[in-house]
Amino acid sequence: MTTVMLVDDQEMIRKGLRVIIDAYPGLDVVAEAGDGFTAVRRLDSVQVDVILMDLNMPGMDGVEAVRRIREARGPEGPRILVLITFDQDENVLAAMRAGANGFLGKGAGPDELAEGIRRVAAGAHALSDNAIGALVSHVSDPHAVPPDPDKAKLFEGLTPRELEVVRLVVEGLDNAEIGRRVFISPFTAKTHVNRAMAKVGARDRAQLVSLAVQAGIRP
C-alpha cells in the first residue's frame, strides 16, 4: 500500500483528491495539511510514502515546505509530487532544486494522477507535458536562476551527439521526432538517450530532463 499526504490550502480540493486517490487499489490517503508548516509537523506523527504538494499556499508555501522536508528527512524521506498550474515556471524550477520528485499539472486526469503517485513512490520521476513546458520556458529565460554546477558536471562526459539528443529530449521530443530532427533512426535515438541516462545516473527520461534543466541545458 502506498500512503499519501495531501497538502493544499483549499479543503474542497483536498476532499476531491482524496476521493480520486482512494478509489485506486494500492493507494491510501492517510494525512492532510492546509499549509507547509502543518505538513512539516505532521510528518513527526504519520508515516507517508508520497506527499502531493500544492505550491501556492499562505504562510509557508510549497517550495519552502519541500526544502524543509528534504532538510529534515533527507533524500530517502517521503517522495514529493508537486501539482502545478501553467503559469508557475519559476516555482517549478525552485521546487525541483528544493528536492521535489515529480510535477503534474492540476488539470491531470485521475489515471495520470494515480500513475504519477505510483511512479514517484517507486523511485522514478514524473513530469507532465505542461511541467516540461514550464521548465523549458524558464531555463530559456535569460534572467533564469544560474545552472547548478554539480548538475552541469554530470553532463561533461556526454558525446556531442548525446548532448544534442538530450537537448531534444528537454524540448519534449520522442525518439521518432528526435530521429527526424537529426536524421537518425528512432532506435539510434533511443540508444543515445539510454547512454546519456546511464552516464548522468538518470532512472528515466523524466529524471534526465530534470537533471538537464538544473544543469542549464537548453533546447
Protein backbone atom coordinates (compact mmCIF):
# COMPACT_ATOMS: atom_id res chain seq x y z
CA MET A 1 0.00 0.00 0.00
CA THR A 2 1.32 3.45 -0.96
CA THR A 3 0.38 6.03 1.67
CA VAL A 4 -0.25 9.63 0.62
CA MET A 5 -0.40 13.04 2.32
CA LEU A 6 -2.37 15.85 0.64
CA VAL A 7 -1.04 19.40 1.11
CA ASP A 8 -3.29 22.15 -0.24
CA ASP A 9 -4.83 25.20 1.41
CA GLN A 10 -8.24 24.55 -0.18
CA GLU A 11 -10.25 21.95 1.71
CA MET A 12 -12.51 21.18 -1.23
CA ILE A 13 -9.51 20.35 -3.42
CA ARG A 14 -8.15 18.03 -0.73
CA LYS A 15 -11.52 16.30 -0.45
CA GLY A 16 -11.71 15.83 -4.21
CA LEU A 17 -8.18 14.46 -4.40
CA ARG A 18 -8.87 12.07 -1.53
CA VAL A 19 -11.92 10.64 -3.29
CA ILE A 20 -9.95 10.16 -6.53
CA ILE A 21 -6.83 8.66 -4.96
CA ASP A 22 -8.61 6.34 -2.54
CA ALA A 23 -10.55 4.86 -5.46
CA TYR A 24 -7.35 3.32 -6.87
CA PRO A 25 -6.13 -0.02 -5.48
CA GLY A 26 -2.89 0.25 -3.55
CA LEU A 27 -3.22 4.00 -2.83
CA ASP A 28 -4.36 5.34 0.54
CA VAL A 29 -4.62 8.95 1.71
CA VAL A 30 -3.59 8.90 5.38
CA ALA A 31 -2.99 12.58 6.14
CA GLU A 32 -3.86 16.12 5.04
CA ALA A 33 -2.41 19.57 5.64
CA GLY A 34 -3.60 23.03 4.68
CA ASP A 35 -0.17 24.69 4.61
CA GLY A 36 3.53 23.94 4.61
CA PHE A 37 4.01 24.37 8.37
CA THR A 38 1.34 21.78 9.12
CA ALA A 39 2.74 19.38 6.53
CA VAL A 40 6.22 19.51 8.05
CA ARG A 41 4.82 18.96 11.56
CA ARG A 42 2.51 16.12 10.52
CA LEU A 43 5.49 14.07 9.37
CA ASP A 44 6.53 13.74 13.01
CA SER A 45 3.44 11.65 13.71
CA VAL A 46 2.49 9.95 10.44
CA GLN A 47 4.40 7.74 8.00
CA VAL A 48 3.77 8.59 4.34
CA ASP A 49 5.33 7.41 1.10
CA VAL A 50 4.25 10.27 -1.17
CA ILE A 51 3.34 13.89 -0.46
CA LEU A 52 1.07 15.54 -3.01
CA MET A 53 2.08 19.19 -2.66
CA ASP A 54 0.50 22.43 -3.85
CA LEU A 55 2.90 25.35 -4.38
CA ASN A 56 0.75 28.41 -3.67
CA MET A 57 -0.25 28.38 0.00
CA PRO A 58 -0.38 31.05 2.73
CA GLY A 59 2.30 31.06 5.39
CA MET A 60 4.87 28.54 4.25
CA ASP A 61 4.48 27.88 0.52
CA GLY A 62 5.10 24.58 -1.24
CA VAL A 63 8.67 25.34 -2.31
CA GLU A 64 9.77 26.11 1.25
CA ALA A 65 7.88 23.07 2.54
CA VAL A 66 9.71 20.84 0.06
CA ARG A 67 13.04 22.34 1.13
CA ARG A 68 12.36 21.84 4.85
CA ILE A 69 11.13 18.29 4.38
CA ARG A 70 14.27 17.42 2.44
CA GLU A 71 16.48 19.07 5.06
CA ALA A 72 14.76 17.17 7.87
CA ARG A 73 14.15 13.82 6.18
CA GLY A 74 16.87 13.66 3.52
CA PRO A 75 16.58 12.22 0.01
CA GLU A 76 15.31 8.92 1.41
CA GLY A 77 12.34 10.61 3.07
CA PRO A 78 8.85 10.87 1.60
CA ARG A 79 8.71 11.35 -2.15
CA ILE A 80 7.16 14.67 -3.16
CA LEU A 81 4.87 15.11 -6.16
CA VAL A 82 4.04 18.76 -6.87
CA LEU A 83 0.84 19.94 -8.53
CA ILE A 84 1.36 22.99 -10.73
CA THR A 85 -0.51 25.39 -12.97
CA PHE A 86 0.72 26.59 -16.35
CA ASP A 87 2.00 29.94 -15.03
CA GLN A 88 4.35 28.65 -12.33
CA ASP A 89 7.55 28.42 -14.39
CA GLU A 90 9.88 29.88 -11.76
CA ASN A 91 8.29 27.94 -8.91
CA VAL A 92 8.67 24.65 -10.78
CA LEU A 93 12.41 25.08 -11.06
CA ALA A 94 12.66 26.27 -7.45
CA ALA A 95 10.71 23.24 -6.23
CA MET A 96 12.90 20.96 -8.33
CA ARG A 97 16.03 22.45 -6.80
CA ALA A 98 14.48 22.08 -3.34
CA GLY A 99 14.09 18.34 -3.88
CA ALA A 100 10.70 17.61 -5.46
CA ASN A 101 10.49 14.27 -7.27
CA GLY A 102 7.80 14.99 -9.82
CA PHE A 103 5.40 17.54 -11.25
CA LEU A 104 1.87 17.15 -12.58
CA GLY A 105 -0.49 19.79 -13.91
CA LYS A 106 -3.55 20.50 -11.79
CA GLY A 107 -5.63 19.50 -14.80
CA ALA A 108 -4.25 15.95 -14.80
CA GLY A 109 -6.89 13.24 -15.06
CA PRO A 110 -7.41 10.61 -12.37
CA ASP A 111 -5.36 7.94 -14.17
CA GLU A 112 -2.44 10.31 -14.75
CA LEU A 113 -2.56 11.39 -11.12
CA ALA A 114 -2.57 7.82 -9.81
CA GLU A 115 0.23 6.82 -12.18
CA GLY A 116 2.29 9.82 -11.12
CA ILE A 117 1.95 8.86 -7.46
CA ARG A 118 2.93 5.28 -8.21
CA ARG A 119 5.93 6.36 -10.28
CA VAL A 120 7.43 8.63 -7.65
CA ALA A 121 6.68 6.07 -4.93
CA ALA A 122 8.66 3.51 -6.95
CA GLY A 123 11.68 5.83 -7.12
CA ALA A 124 11.09 7.26 -10.60
CA HIS A 125 10.32 10.85 -11.54
CA ALA A 126 7.09 12.15 -13.03
CA LEU A 127 6.89 15.15 -15.33
CA SER A 128 3.71 16.03 -17.17
CA ASP A 129 3.87 17.81 -20.53
CA ASN A 130 3.00 21.20 -19.04
CA ALA A 131 5.64 20.74 -16.34
CA ILE A 132 8.27 20.09 -19.01
CA GLY A 133 6.99 23.15 -20.86
CA ALA A 134 7.32 25.26 -17.73
CA LEU A 135 10.86 24.06 -17.15
CA VAL A 136 11.89 24.66 -20.74
CA SER A 137 10.33 28.13 -20.69
CA HIS A 138 12.13 29.07 -17.51
CA VAL A 139 15.53 27.68 -18.42
CA SER A 140 15.31 29.55 -21.74
CA ASP A 141 14.75 32.82 -19.89
CA PRO A 142 17.97 34.89 -19.88
CA HIS A 143 17.10 36.01 -16.34
CA ALA A 144 16.65 32.46 -15.04
CA VAL A 145 18.48 31.08 -12.00
CA PRO A 146 22.08 30.16 -12.93
CA PRO A 147 22.79 26.47 -13.65
CA ASP A 148 23.73 24.16 -10.79
CA PRO A 149 27.49 23.45 -11.26
CA ASP A 150 27.22 19.99 -9.69
CA LYS A 151 24.46 19.01 -12.12
CA ALA A 152 26.40 20.50 -15.05
CA LYS A 153 29.37 18.26 -14.24
CA LEU A 154 27.18 15.19 -14.75
CA PHE A 155 26.89 16.03 -18.46
CA GLU A 156 30.57 16.68 -19.12
CA GLY A 157 31.16 13.07 -20.18
CA LEU A 158 28.50 13.06 -22.90
CA THR A 159 29.49 12.97 -26.55
CA PRO A 160 28.39 15.90 -28.75
CA ARG A 161 25.68 13.70 -30.28
CA GLU A 162 24.40 12.57 -26.87
CA LEU A 163 24.28 16.17 -25.67
CA GLU A 164 22.40 17.16 -28.82
CA VAL A 165 19.88 14.40 -28.20
CA VAL A 166 19.49 15.43 -24.55
CA ARG A 167 18.60 18.95 -25.69
CA LEU A 168 15.91 17.49 -27.91
CA VAL A 169 14.58 15.38 -25.03
CA VAL A 170 14.36 18.57 -22.95
CA GLU A 171 12.45 20.12 -25.84
CA GLY A 172 9.90 17.35 -25.37
CA LEU A 173 10.60 15.26 -28.48
CA ASP A 174 10.14 11.49 -28.52
CA ASN A 175 12.58 9.07 -30.18
CA ALA A 176 10.89 9.20 -33.58
CA GLU A 177 10.82 13.02 -33.57
CA ILE A 178 14.47 13.15 -32.49
CA GLY A 179 15.37 10.80 -35.33
CA ARG A 180 13.66 13.01 -37.89
CA ARG A 181 15.28 16.14 -36.49
CA VAL A 182 18.88 14.86 -36.64
CA PHE A 183 18.47 12.26 -39.42
CA ILE A 184 18.94 9.07 -37.40
CA SER A 185 16.66 6.12 -36.78
CA PRO A 186 14.35 6.05 -33.73
CA PHE A 187 16.34 3.07 -32.46
CA THR A 188 19.59 5.04 -32.67
CA ALA A 189 17.92 7.99 -30.95
CA LYS A 190 16.77 5.68 -28.15
CA THR A 191 20.31 4.31 -27.83
CA HIS A 192 21.74 7.81 -27.43
CA VAL A 193 19.09 8.67 -24.84
CA ASN A 194 19.77 5.48 -22.88
CA ARG A 195 23.52 6.10 -22.91
CA ALA A 196 23.02 9.67 -21.73
CA MET A 197 20.76 8.48 -18.91
CA ALA A 198 23.34 5.89 -17.85
CA LYS A 199 26.17 8.44 -17.83
CA VAL A 200 24.34 11.02 -15.72
CA GLY A 201 22.61 8.48 -13.48
CA ALA A 202 19.04 9.17 -14.57
CA ARG A 203 16.47 6.44 -13.97
CA ASP A 204 14.20 7.58 -16.79
CA ARG A 205 13.59 10.36 -19.32
CA ALA A 206 11.76 12.48 -16.77
CA GLN A 207 14.76 12.49 -14.45
CA LEU A 208 17.04 13.15 -17.42
CA VAL A 209 15.00 16.28 -18.20
CA SER A 210 15.10 17.27 -14.53
CA LEU A 211 18.87 16.99 -14.31
CA ALA A 212 19.42 18.66 -17.68
CA VAL A 213 17.27 21.66 -16.77
CA GLN A 214 19.10 22.09 -13.47
CA ALA A 215 22.39 21.87 -15.37
CA GLY A 216 21.26 24.73 -17.60
CA ILE A 217 20.95 22.65 -20.78
CA ARG A 218 18.62 24.46 -23.16
CA PRO A 219 16.75 23.08 -26.18
